[in-house]
Amino acid sequence: NQNAYMQNKDKNHQLFYKHLKNIKKHDLKPLQVFKAKGEKVLMLFKDQNYDFKDISVYVGEIIYKNISDFFIAKELKYEPLLDFLQQEKITKIFLDASIKEEIDGIDYCD
C-alpha cells in the first residue's frame, strides 16, 4: 500500500507498545479557570503529603513542600522560606492544620 504499513508492521507495533507503556507516566496539567492562571500556591505540610490536583483548576499551580525543609536546628527559619517564596514567585500559601497551630503561636509577620 502507499504508506508501506505492511512492510513496517513489526516496527509500528513496537512503537505502539512503547508509547502505551509511557502513557502511564504521562500526565497533562489540567486546564485552569482564568482567575487561577499565573497563580502559584505553596502547599506546606508536616507529616502527610496531600494531593490537591483536583482543586489546582481553581487555585493555580500547586507546589508541595515539607515544612521541615525550612527548619534549622529544630527552629523554623524564615529566611529560607522567604527566599523560596520569592524564587518560585509564590502567590498563596496553604498550611496543614498542625503547622497553622504552631505558626499561630509565633509573633512574626511582615
PDB file of N, CA and C in Angstrom:
ATOM      1  N   ASN A   1       0.837  -1.200   0.000  1.00  0.00           N
ATOM      2  CA  ASN A   1       0.000   0.000   0.000  1.00  0.00           C
ATOM      3  C   ASN A   1       0.873   1.251   0.000  1.00  0.00           C
ATOM      4  N   GLN A   2       0.246   2.399  -0.067  1.00  0.00           N
ATOM      5  CA  GLN A   2       1.003   3.626  -0.316  1.00  0.00           C
ATOM      6  C   GLN A   2       1.863   4.093   0.847  1.00  0.00           C
ATOM      7  N   ASN A   3       1.514   3.799   2.097  1.00  0.00           N
ATOM      8  CA  ASN A   3       2.356   4.265   3.206  1.00  0.00           C
ATOM      9  C   ASN A   3       3.228   3.149   3.782  1.00  0.00           C
ATOM     10  N   ALA A   4       3.354   2.059   3.078  1.00  0.00           N
ATOM     11  CA  ALA A   4       4.234   0.939   3.439  1.00  0.00           C
ATOM     12  C   ALA A   4       3.919   0.381   4.825  1.00  0.00           C
ATOM     13  N   TYR A   5       2.641   0.330   5.181  1.00  0.00           N
ATOM     14  CA  TYR A   5       2.259  -0.178   6.503  1.00  0.00           C
ATOM     15  C   TYR A   5       2.662  -1.639   6.669  1.00  0.00           C
ATOM     16  N   MET A   6       2.386  -2.440   5.678  1.00  0.00           N
ATOM     17  CA  MET A   6       2.663  -3.874   5.814  1.00  0.00           C
ATOM     18  C   MET A   6       4.169  -4.135   5.930  1.00  0.00           C
ATOM     19  N   GLN A   7       4.969  -3.330   5.287  1.00  0.00           N
ATOM     20  CA  GLN A   7       6.417  -3.517   5.377  1.00  0.00           C
ATOM     21  C   GLN A   7       6.940  -3.102   6.756  1.00  0.00           C
ATOM     22  N   ASN A   8       6.294  -2.144   7.376  1.00  0.00           N
ATOM     23  CA  ASN A   8       6.736  -1.630   8.680  1.00  0.00           C
ATOM     24  C   ASN A   8       5.850  -2.096   9.828  1.00  0.00           C
ATOM     25  N   LYS A   9       5.101  -3.164   9.610  1.00  0.00           N
ATOM     26  CA  LYS A   9       4.125  -3.626  10.601  1.00  0.00           C
ATOM     27  C   LYS A   9       4.776  -3.918  11.957  1.00  0.00           C
ATOM     28  N   ASP A  10       5.859  -4.666  11.968  1.00  0.00           N
ATOM     29  CA  ASP A  10       6.520  -5.016  13.239  1.00  0.00           C
ATOM     30  C   ASP A  10       7.076  -3.774  13.928  1.00  0.00           C
ATOM     31  N   LYS A  11       7.680  -2.906  13.145  1.00  0.00           N
ATOM     32  CA  LYS A  11       8.230  -1.672  13.704  1.00  0.00           C
ATOM     33  C   LYS A  11       7.112  -0.797  14.291  1.00  0.00           C
ATOM     34  N   ASN A  12       5.992  -0.730  13.598  1.00  0.00           N
ATOM     35  CA  ASN A  12       4.859   0.059  14.086  1.00  0.00           C
ATOM     36  C   ASN A  12       4.280  -0.523  15.372  1.00  0.00           C
ATOM     37  N   HIS A  13       4.215  -1.850  15.457  1.00  0.00           N
ATOM     38  CA  HIS A  13       3.709  -2.481  16.677  1.00  0.00           C
ATOM     39  C   HIS A  13       4.628  -2.193  17.861  1.00  0.00           C
ATOM     40  N   GLN A  14       5.922  -2.267  17.653  1.00  0.00           N
ATOM     41  CA  GLN A  14       6.875  -1.970  18.726  1.00  0.00           C
ATOM     42  C   GLN A  14       6.738  -0.523  19.183  1.00  0.00           C
ATOM     43  N   LEU A  15       6.596   0.373  18.232  1.00  0.00           N
ATOM     44  CA  LEU A  15       6.423   1.783  18.557  1.00  0.00           C
ATOM     45  C   LEU A  15       5.124   2.009  19.329  1.00  0.00           C
ATOM     46  N   PHE A  16       4.062   1.330  18.927  1.00  0.00           N
ATOM     47  CA  PHE A  16       2.774   1.442  19.610  1.00  0.00           C
ATOM     48  C   PHE A  16       2.887   0.985  21.066  1.00  0.00           C
ATOM     49  N   TYR A  17       3.504  -0.166  21.299  1.00  0.00           N
ATOM     50  CA  TYR A  17       3.627  -0.684  22.665  1.00  0.00           C
ATOM     51  C   TYR A  17       4.567   0.172  23.519  1.00  0.00           C
ATOM     52  N   LYS A  18       5.574   0.753  22.899  1.00  0.00           N
ATOM     53  CA  LYS A  18       6.457   1.675  23.615  1.00  0.00           C
ATOM     54  C   LYS A  18       5.659   2.890  24.091  1.00  0.00           C
ATOM     55  N   HIS A  19       4.835   3.450  23.225  1.00  0.00           N
ATOM     56  CA  HIS A  19       4.004   4.600  23.594  1.00  0.00           C
ATOM     57  C   HIS A  19       2.964   4.215  24.641  1.00  0.00           C
ATOM     58  N   LEU A  20       2.448   3.005  24.545  1.00  0.00           N
ATOM     59  CA  LEU A  20       1.453   2.535  25.506  1.00  0.00           C
ATOM     60  C   LEU A  20       2.045   2.438  26.910  1.00  0.00           C
ATOM     61  N   LYS A  21       3.311   2.011  27.024  1.00  0.00           N
ATOM     62  CA  LYS A  21       3.979   1.962  28.329  1.00  0.00           C
ATOM     63  C   LYS A  21       4.137   3.364  28.915  1.00  0.00           C
ATOM     64  N   ASN A  22       4.461   4.333  28.075  1.00  0.00           N
ATOM     65  CA  ASN A  22       4.690   5.702  28.535  1.00  0.00           C
ATOM     66  C   ASN A  22       3.406   6.422  28.911  1.00  0.00           C
ATOM     67  N   ILE A  23       2.286   5.907  28.496  1.00  0.00           N
ATOM     68  CA  ILE A  23       1.016   6.589  28.786  1.00  0.00           C
ATOM     69  C   ILE A  23       0.768   6.668  30.285  1.00  0.00           C
ATOM     70  N   LYS A  24       1.223   5.675  31.050  1.00  0.00           N
ATOM     71  CA  LYS A  24       1.033   5.681  32.500  1.00  0.00           C
ATOM     72  C   LYS A  24       1.881   6.758  33.160  1.00  0.00           C
ATOM     73  N   LYS A  25       3.026   7.078  32.567  1.00  0.00           N
ATOM     74  CA  LYS A  25       3.917   8.088  33.118  1.00  0.00           C
ATOM     75  C   LYS A  25       3.503   9.489  32.697  1.00  0.00           C
ATOM     76  N   HIS A  26       2.810   9.570  31.579  1.00  0.00           N
ATOM     77  CA  HIS A  26       2.450  10.869  31.012  1.00  0.00           C
ATOM     78  C   HIS A  26       1.301  11.488  31.806  1.00  0.00           C
ATOM     79  N   ASP A  27       1.436  12.759  32.136  1.00  0.00           N
ATOM     80  CA  ASP A  27       0.410  13.441  32.918  1.00  0.00           C
ATOM     81  C   ASP A  27       0.243  14.858  32.382  1.00  0.00           C
ATOM     82  N   LEU A  28      -0.945  15.174  31.951  1.00  0.00           N
ATOM     83  CA  LEU A  28      -1.221  16.519  31.460  1.00  0.00           C
ATOM     84  C   LEU A  28      -1.629  17.415  32.611  1.00  0.00           C
ATOM     85  N   LYS A  29      -1.188  18.660  32.571  1.00  0.00           N
ATOM     86  CA  LYS A  29      -1.638  19.619  33.569  1.00  0.00           C
ATOM     87  C   LYS A  29      -3.083  19.982  33.244  1.00  0.00           C
ATOM     88  N   PRO A  30      -3.934  20.052  34.261  1.00  0.00           N
ATOM     89  CA  PRO A  30      -5.334  20.382  33.980  1.00  0.00           C
ATOM     90  C   PRO A  30      -5.480  21.844  33.554  1.00  0.00           C
ATOM     91  N   LEU A  31      -6.491  22.098  32.751  1.00  0.00           N
ATOM     92  CA  LEU A  31      -6.793  23.476  32.377  1.00  0.00           C
ATOM     93  C   LEU A  31      -7.242  24.226  33.615  1.00  0.00           C
ATOM     94  N   GLN A  32      -6.969  25.516  33.670  1.00  0.00           N
ATOM     95  CA  GLN A  32      -7.311  26.306  34.848  1.00  0.00           C
ATOM     96  C   GLN A  32      -8.303  27.393  34.478  1.00  0.00           C
ATOM     97  N   VAL A  33      -9.119  27.776  35.463  1.00  0.00           N
ATOM     98  CA  VAL A  33     -10.010  28.901  35.249  1.00  0.00           C
ATOM     99  C   VAL A  33      -9.155  30.159  35.120  1.00  0.00           C
ATOM    100  N   PHE A  34      -9.714  31.193  34.523  1.00  0.00           N
ATOM    101  CA  PHE A  34      -8.943  32.394  34.208  1.00  0.00           C
ATOM    102  C   PHE A  34      -8.308  33.022  35.450  1.00  0.00           C
ATOM    103  N   LYS A  35      -9.039  33.046  36.574  1.00  0.00           N
ATOM    104  CA  LYS A  35      -8.516  33.665  37.801  1.00  0.00           C
ATOM    105  C   LYS A  35      -7.303  32.914  38.349  1.00  0.00           C
ATOM    106  N   ALA A  36      -7.193  31.633  38.054  1.00  0.00           N
ATOM    107  CA  ALA A  36      -6.103  30.818  38.600  1.00  0.00           C
ATOM    108  C   ALA A  36      -4.852  30.847  37.729  1.00  0.00           C
ATOM    109  N   LYS A  37      -4.948  31.355  36.527  1.00  0.00           N
ATOM    110  CA  LYS A  37      -3.776  31.396  35.641  1.00  0.00           C
ATOM    111  C   LYS A  37      -2.702  32.300  36.230  1.00  0.00           C
ATOM    112  N   GLY A  38      -1.480  31.813  36.256  1.00  0.00           N
ATOM    113  CA  GLY A  38      -0.361  32.587  36.781  1.00  0.00           C
ATOM    114  C   GLY A  38      -0.220  32.529  38.290  1.00  0.00           C
ATOM    115  N   GLU A  39      -1.170  31.898  38.982  1.00  0.00           N
ATOM    116  CA  GLU A  39      -1.094  31.761  40.438  1.00  0.00           C
ATOM    117  C   GLU A  39      -0.225  30.554  40.776  1.00  0.00           C
ATOM    118  N   LYS A  40       0.598  30.710  41.798  1.00  0.00           N
ATOM    119  CA  LYS A  40       1.394  29.598  42.317  1.00  0.00           C
ATOM    120  C   LYS A  40       1.083  29.466  43.796  1.00  0.00           C
ATOM    121  N   VAL A  41       0.695  28.280  44.186  1.00  0.00           N
ATOM    122  CA  VAL A  41       0.281  28.017  45.559  1.00  0.00           C
ATOM    123  C   VAL A  41       1.290  27.081  46.213  1.00  0.00           C
ATOM    124  N   LEU A  42       1.815  27.508  47.357  1.00  0.00           N
ATOM    125  CA  LEU A  42       2.712  26.649  48.130  1.00  0.00           C
ATOM    126  C   LEU A  42       1.872  25.872  49.128  1.00  0.00           C
ATOM    127  N   MET A  43       1.950  24.555  49.069  1.00  0.00           N
ATOM    128  CA  MET A  43       1.219  23.683  49.972  1.00  0.00           C
ATOM    129  C   MET A  43       2.220  23.157  50.994  1.00  0.00           C
ATOM    130  N   LEU A  44       2.207  23.729  52.203  1.00  0.00           N
ATOM    131  CA  LEU A  44       3.128  23.300  53.260  1.00  0.00           C
ATOM    132  C   LEU A  44       2.474  22.201  54.086  1.00  0.00           C
ATOM    133  N   PHE A  45       3.163  21.114  54.253  1.00  0.00           N
ATOM    134  CA  PHE A  45       2.645  20.014  55.063  1.00  0.00           C
ATOM    135  C   PHE A  45       3.722  19.559  56.029  1.00  0.00           C
ATOM    136  N   LYS A  46       3.298  18.816  57.040  1.00  0.00           N
ATOM    137  CA  LYS A  46       4.243  18.375  58.064  1.00  0.00           C
ATOM    138  C   LYS A  46       4.511  16.879  57.948  1.00  0.00           C
ATOM    139  N   ASP A  47       3.497  16.079  58.142  1.00  0.00           N
ATOM    140  CA  ASP A  47       3.694  14.633  58.174  1.00  0.00           C
ATOM    141  C   ASP A  47       3.166  13.933  56.931  1.00  0.00           C
ATOM    142  N   GLN A  48       2.086  14.451  56.389  1.00  0.00           N
ATOM    143  CA  GLN A  48       1.414  13.757  55.306  1.00  0.00           C
ATOM    144  C   GLN A  48       1.290  14.680  54.101  1.00  0.00           C
ATOM    145  N   ASN A  49       1.668  14.172  52.944  1.00  0.00           N
ATOM    146  CA  ASN A  49       1.540  14.937  51.712  1.00  0.00           C
ATOM    147  C   ASN A  49       0.176  14.639  51.096  1.00  0.00           C
ATOM    148  N   TYR A  50      -0.585  15.661  50.836  1.00  0.00           N
ATOM    149  CA  TYR A  50      -1.909  15.511  50.248  1.00  0.00           C
ATOM    150  C   TYR A  50      -1.827  15.771  48.754  1.00  0.00           C
ATOM    151  N   ASP A  51      -2.792  15.260  48.013  1.00  0.00           N
ATOM    152  CA  ASP A  51      -2.840  15.504  46.578  1.00  0.00           C
ATOM    153  C   ASP A  51      -4.037  16.394  46.273  1.00  0.00           C
ATOM    154  N   PHE A  52      -3.750  17.620  45.891  1.00  0.00           N
ATOM    155  CA  PHE A  52      -4.802  18.587  45.598  1.00  0.00           C
ATOM    156  C   PHE A  52      -4.854  18.915  44.112  1.00  0.00           C
ATOM    157  N   LYS A  53      -4.527  17.946  43.272  1.00  0.00           N
ATOM    158  CA  LYS A  53      -4.518  18.185  41.839  1.00  0.00           C
ATOM    159  C   LYS A  53      -5.897  18.638  41.338  1.00  0.00           C
ATOM    160  N   ASP A  54      -6.952  18.121  41.951  1.00  0.00           N
ATOM    161  CA  ASP A  54      -8.303  18.457  41.500  1.00  0.00           C
ATOM    162  C   ASP A  54      -8.645  19.925  41.720  1.00  0.00           C
ATOM    163  N   ILE A  55      -8.168  20.518  42.817  1.00  0.00           N
ATOM    164  CA  ILE A  55      -8.510  21.919  43.062  1.00  0.00           C
ATOM    165  C   ILE A  55      -7.531  22.883  42.405  1.00  0.00           C
ATOM    166  N   SER A  56      -6.454  22.352  41.823  1.00  0.00           N
ATOM    167  CA  SER A  56      -5.500  23.237  41.147  1.00  0.00           C
ATOM    168  C   SER A  56      -6.154  23.963  39.982  1.00  0.00           C
ATOM    169  N   VAL A  57      -7.238  23.425  39.486  1.00  0.00           N
ATOM    170  CA  VAL A  57      -8.002  24.075  38.418  1.00  0.00           C
ATOM    171  C   VAL A  57      -8.492  25.442  38.881  1.00  0.00           C
ATOM    172  N   TYR A  58      -8.809  25.558  40.167  1.00  0.00           N
ATOM    173  CA  TYR A  58      -9.404  26.782  40.701  1.00  0.00           C
ATOM    174  C   TYR A  58      -8.418  27.674  41.450  1.00  0.00           C
ATOM    175  N   VAL A  59      -7.339  27.107  41.996  1.00  0.00           N
ATOM    176  CA  VAL A  59      -6.420  27.911  42.812  1.00  0.00           C
ATOM    177  C   VAL A  59      -5.107  28.232  42.110  1.00  0.00           C
ATOM    178  N   GLY A  60      -4.702  27.448  41.136  1.00  0.00           N
ATOM    179  CA  GLY A  60      -3.455  27.678  40.417  1.00  0.00           C
ATOM    180  C   GLY A  60      -2.512  26.491  40.545  1.00  0.00           C
ATOM    181  N   GLU A  61      -1.293  26.665  40.046  1.00  0.00           N
ATOM    182  CA  GLU A  61      -0.293  25.603  40.104  1.00  0.00           C
ATOM    183  C   GLU A  61       0.128  25.368  41.551  1.00  0.00           C
ATOM    184  N   ILE A  62       0.088  24.116  41.980  1.00  0.00           N
ATOM    185  CA  ILE A  62       0.394  23.782  43.373  1.00  0.00           C
ATOM    186  C   ILE A  62       1.806  23.209  43.471  1.00  0.00           C
ATOM    187  N   ILE A  63       2.574  23.763  44.414  1.00  0.00           N
ATOM    188  CA  ILE A  63       3.925  23.280  44.705  1.00  0.00           C
ATOM    189  C   ILE A  63       3.901  22.729  46.127  1.00  0.00           C
ATOM    190  N   TYR A  64       4.260  21.464  46.286  1.00  0.00           N
ATOM    191  CA  TYR A  64       4.242  20.811  47.592  1.00  0.00           C
ATOM    192  C   TYR A  64       5.620  20.918  48.237  1.00  0.00           C
ATOM    193  N   LYS A  65       5.633  21.236  49.522  1.00  0.00           N
ATOM    194  CA  LYS A  65       6.900  21.366  50.250  1.00  0.00           C
ATOM    195  C   LYS A  65       6.680  20.942  51.696  1.00  0.00           C
ATOM    196  N   ASN A  66       7.623  20.189  52.240  1.00  0.00           N
ATOM    197  CA  ASN A  66       7.562  19.788  53.640  1.00  0.00           C
ATOM    198  C   ASN A  66       8.116  20.923  54.495  1.00  0.00           C
ATOM    199  N   ILE A  67       7.430  21.245  55.578  1.00  0.00           N
ATOM    200  CA  ILE A  67       7.836  22.353  56.454  1.00  0.00           C
ATOM    201  C   ILE A  67       9.215  22.103  57.056  1.00  0.00           C
ATOM    202  N   SER A  68       9.598  20.841  57.207  1.00  0.00           N
ATOM    203  CA  SER A  68      10.909  20.531  57.798  1.00  0.00           C
ATOM    204  C   SER A  68      12.064  21.026  56.921  1.00  0.00           C
ATOM    205  N   ASP A  69      11.800  21.303  55.650  1.00  0.00           N
ATOM    206  CA  ASP A  69      12.839  21.851  54.770  1.00  0.00           C
ATOM    207  C   ASP A  69      13.263  23.251  55.197  1.00  0.00           C
ATOM    208  N   PHE A  70      12.437  23.916  55.996  1.00  0.00           N
ATOM    209  CA  PHE A  70      12.727  25.284  56.428  1.00  0.00           C
ATOM    210  C   PHE A  70      13.141  25.354  57.895  1.00  0.00           C
ATOM    211  N   PHE A  71      13.366  24.200  58.519  1.00  0.00           N
ATOM    212  CA  PHE A  71      13.827  24.154  59.906  1.00  0.00           C
ATOM    213  C   PHE A  71      15.337  23.983  59.936  1.00  0.00           C
ATOM    214  N   ILE A  72      15.989  24.755  60.783  1.00  0.00           N
ATOM    215  CA  ILE A  72      17.420  24.606  61.024  1.00  0.00           C
ATOM    216  C   ILE A  72      17.592  24.516  62.535  1.00  0.00           C
ATOM    217  N   ALA A  73      18.207  23.438  62.990  1.00  0.00           N
ATOM    218  CA  ALA A  73      18.396  23.190  64.426  1.00  0.00           C
ATOM    219  C   ALA A  73      17.059  23.247  65.168  1.00  0.00           C
ATOM    220  N   LYS A  74      16.072  22.543  64.636  1.00  0.00           N
ATOM    221  CA  LYS A  74      14.738  22.406  65.236  1.00  0.00           C
ATOM    222  C   LYS A  74      14.013  23.738  65.420  1.00  0.00           C
ATOM    223  N   GLU A  75      14.378  24.730  64.626  1.00  0.00           N
ATOM    224  CA  GLU A  75      13.726  26.035  64.715  1.00  0.00           C
ATOM    225  C   GLU A  75      13.379  26.501  63.302  1.00  0.00           C
ATOM    226  N   LEU A  76      12.164  27.000  63.141  1.00  0.00           N
ATOM    227  CA  LEU A  76      11.723  27.485  61.838  1.00  0.00           C
ATOM    228  C   LEU A  76      12.483  28.755  61.474  1.00  0.00           C
ATOM    229  N   LYS A  77      13.164  28.718  60.347  1.00  0.00           N
ATOM    230  CA  LYS A  77      13.918  29.880  59.865  1.00  0.00           C
ATOM    231  C   LYS A  77      13.141  30.509  58.709  1.00  0.00           C
ATOM    232  N   TYR A  78      12.884  31.794  58.830  1.00  0.00           N
ATOM    233  CA  TYR A  78      12.059  32.472  57.837  1.00  0.00           C
ATOM    234  C   TYR A  78      12.835  32.858  56.581  1.00  0.00           C
ATOM    235  N   GLU A  79      14.144  33.064  56.699  1.00  0.00           N
ATOM    236  CA  GLU A  79      14.924  33.492  55.545  1.00  0.00           C
ATOM    237  C   GLU A  79      14.850  32.480  54.395  1.00  0.00           C
ATOM    238  N   PRO A  80      15.103  31.180  54.657  1.00  0.00           N
ATOM    239  CA  PRO A  80      14.992  30.220  53.543  1.00  0.00           C
ATOM    240  C   PRO A  80      13.571  30.148  52.983  1.00  0.00           C
ATOM    241  N   LEU A  81      12.582  30.278  53.860  1.00  0.00           N
ATOM    242  CA  LEU A  81      11.193  30.247  53.410  1.00  0.00           C
ATOM    243  C   LEU A  81      10.890  31.448  52.521  1.00  0.00           C
ATOM    244  N   LEU A  82      11.305  32.631  52.943  1.00  0.00           N
ATOM    245  CA  LEU A  82      11.061  33.837  52.149  1.00  0.00           C
ATOM    246  C   LEU A  82      11.833  33.798  50.830  1.00  0.00           C
ATOM    247  N   ASP A  83      13.054  33.270  50.869  1.00  0.00           N
ATOM    248  CA  ASP A  83      13.829  33.124  49.634  1.00  0.00           C
ATOM    249  C   ASP A  83      13.123  32.189  48.652  1.00  0.00           C
ATOM    250  N   PHE A  84      12.593  31.089  49.186  1.00  0.00           N
ATOM    251  CA  PHE A  84      11.872  30.136  48.346  1.00  0.00           C
ATOM    252  C   PHE A  84      10.622  30.780  47.751  1.00  0.00           C
ATOM    253  N   LEU A  85       9.902  31.550  48.565  1.00  0.00           N
ATOM    254  CA  LEU A  85       8.690  32.219  48.083  1.00  0.00           C
ATOM    255  C   LEU A  85       9.014  33.184  46.942  1.00  0.00           C
ATOM    256  N   GLN A  86      10.102  33.913  47.080  1.00  0.00           N
ATOM    257  CA  GLN A  86      10.489  34.860  46.029  1.00  0.00           C
ATOM    258  C   GLN A  86      11.014  34.148  44.787  1.00  0.00           C
ATOM    259  N   GLN A  87      11.804  33.125  44.993  1.00  0.00           N
ATOM    260  CA  GLN A  87      12.393  32.393  43.874  1.00  0.00           C
ATOM    261  C   GLN A  87      11.308  31.731  43.025  1.00  0.00           C
ATOM    262  N   GLU A  88      10.338  31.114  43.673  1.00  0.00           N
ATOM    263  CA  GLU A  88       9.278  30.400  42.960  1.00  0.00           C
ATOM    264  C   GLU A  88       8.088  31.299  42.602  1.00  0.00           C
ATOM    265  N   LYS A  89       8.131  32.551  43.058  1.00  0.00           N
ATOM    266  CA  LYS A  89       7.055  33.524  42.800  1.00  0.00           C
ATOM    267  C   LYS A  89       5.702  33.002  43.294  1.00  0.00           C
ATOM    268  N   ILE A  90       5.695  32.585  44.566  1.00  0.00           N
ATOM    269  CA  ILE A  90       4.501  32.042  45.203  1.00  0.00           C
ATOM    270  C   ILE A  90       3.523  33.183  45.488  1.00  0.00           C
ATOM    271  N   THR A  91       2.246  32.957  45.163  1.00  0.00           N
ATOM    272  CA  THR A  91       1.233  33.986  45.404  1.00  0.00           C
ATOM    273  C   THR A  91       0.322  33.644  46.579  1.00  0.00           C
ATOM    274  N   LYS A  92       0.222  32.348  46.923  1.00  0.00           N
ATOM    275  CA  LYS A  92      -0.629  31.919  48.040  1.00  0.00           C
ATOM    276  C   LYS A  92       0.072  30.794  48.793  1.00  0.00           C
ATOM    277  N   ILE A  93      -0.279  30.664  50.075  1.00  0.00           N
ATOM    278  CA  ILE A  93       0.268  29.575  50.887  1.00  0.00           C
ATOM    279  C   ILE A  93      -0.890  28.868  51.578  1.00  0.00           C
ATOM    280  N   PHE A  94      -0.927  27.545  51.454  1.00  0.00           N
ATOM    281  CA  PHE A  94      -1.884  26.725  52.187  1.00  0.00           C
ATOM    282  C   PHE A  94      -1.094  25.946  53.229  1.00  0.00           C
ATOM    283  N   LEU A  95      -1.608  25.911  54.450  1.00  0.00           N
ATOM    284  CA  LEU A  95      -0.915  25.235  55.543  1.00  0.00           C
ATOM    285  C   LEU A  95      -1.705  24.030  56.022  1.00  0.00           C
ATOM    286  N   ASP A  96      -0.979  22.995  56.384  1.00  0.00           N
ATOM    287  CA  ASP A  96      -1.561  21.866  57.093  1.00  0.00           C
ATOM    288  C   ASP A  96      -2.027  22.389  58.453  1.00  0.00           C
ATOM    289  N   ALA A  97      -3.121  21.873  58.981  1.00  0.00           N
ATOM    290  CA  ALA A  97      -3.690  22.378  60.238  1.00  0.00           C
ATOM    291  C   ALA A  97      -2.687  22.318  61.387  1.00  0.00           C
ATOM    292  N   SER A  98      -1.874  21.271  61.458  1.00  0.00           N
ATOM    293  CA  SER A  98      -0.903  21.162  62.555  1.00  0.00           C
ATOM    294  C   SER A  98       0.172  22.245  62.449  1.00  0.00           C
ATOM    295  N   ILE A  99       0.535  22.636  61.249  1.00  0.00           N
ATOM    296  CA  ILE A  99       1.518  23.709  61.061  1.00  0.00           C
ATOM    297  C   ILE A  99       0.908  25.044  61.451  1.00  0.00           C
ATOM    298  N   LYS A 100      -0.341  25.253  61.090  1.00  0.00           N
ATOM    299  CA  LYS A 100      -1.013  26.516  61.399  1.00  0.00           C
ATOM    300  C   LYS A 100      -1.044  26.752  62.906  1.00  0.00           C
ATOM    301  N   GLU A 101      -1.296  25.706  63.671  1.00  0.00           N
ATOM    302  CA  GLU A 101      -1.314  25.834  65.132  1.00  0.00           C
ATOM    303  C   GLU A 101       0.057  26.264  65.654  1.00  0.00           C
ATOM    304  N   GLU A 102       1.130  25.696  65.097  1.00  0.00           N
ATOM    305  CA  GLU A 102       2.484  26.063  65.525  1.00  0.00           C
ATOM    306  C   GLU A 102       2.804  27.504  65.152  1.00  0.00           C
ATOM    307  N   ILE A 103       2.456  27.901  63.945  1.00  0.00           N
ATOM    308  CA  ILE A 103       2.784  29.241  63.457  1.00  0.00           C
ATOM    309  C   ILE A 103       1.949  30.306  64.144  1.00  0.00           C
ATOM    310  N   ASP A 104       0.723  29.991  64.532  1.00  0.00           N
ATOM    311  CA  ASP A 104      -0.120  30.961  65.234  1.00  0.00           C
ATOM    312  C   ASP A 104       0.531  31.420  66.531  1.00  0.00           C
ATOM    313  N   GLY A 105       1.326  30.556  67.143  1.00  0.00           N
ATOM    314  CA  GLY A 105       1.984  30.908  68.394  1.00  0.00           C
ATOM    315  C   GLY A 105       3.211  31.789  68.211  1.00  0.00           C
ATOM    316  N   ILE A 106       3.679  31.932  66.988  1.00  0.00           N
ATOM    317  CA  ILE A 106       4.871  32.735  66.709  1.00  0.00           C
ATOM    318  C   ILE A 106       4.442  34.153  66.367  1.00  0.00           C
ATOM    319  N   ASP A 107       5.162  35.124  66.893  1.00  0.00           N
ATOM    320  CA  ASP A 107       4.808  36.529  66.698  1.00  0.00           C
ATOM    321  C   ASP A 107       5.688  37.158  65.620  1.00  0.00           C
ATOM    322  N   TYR A 108       5.533  36.710  64.366  1.00  0.00           N
ATOM    323  CA  TYR A 108       6.344  37.252  63.274  1.00  0.00           C
ATOM    324  C   TYR A 108       5.488  37.374  62.023  1.00  0.00           C
ATOM    325  N   CYS A 109       5.286  38.569  61.574  1.00  0.00           N
ATOM    326  CA  CYS A 109       4.572  38.804  60.319  1.00  0.00           C
ATOM    327  C   CYS A 109       5.137  40.049  59.671  1.00  0.00           C
ATOM    328  N   ASP A 110       5.287  40.028  58.370  1.00  0.00           N
ATOM    329  CA  ASP A 110       5.770  41.192  57.621  1.00  0.00           C
ATOM    330  C   ASP A 110       4.701  41.655  56.679  1.00  0.00           C
TER     331      ASP A 110
END
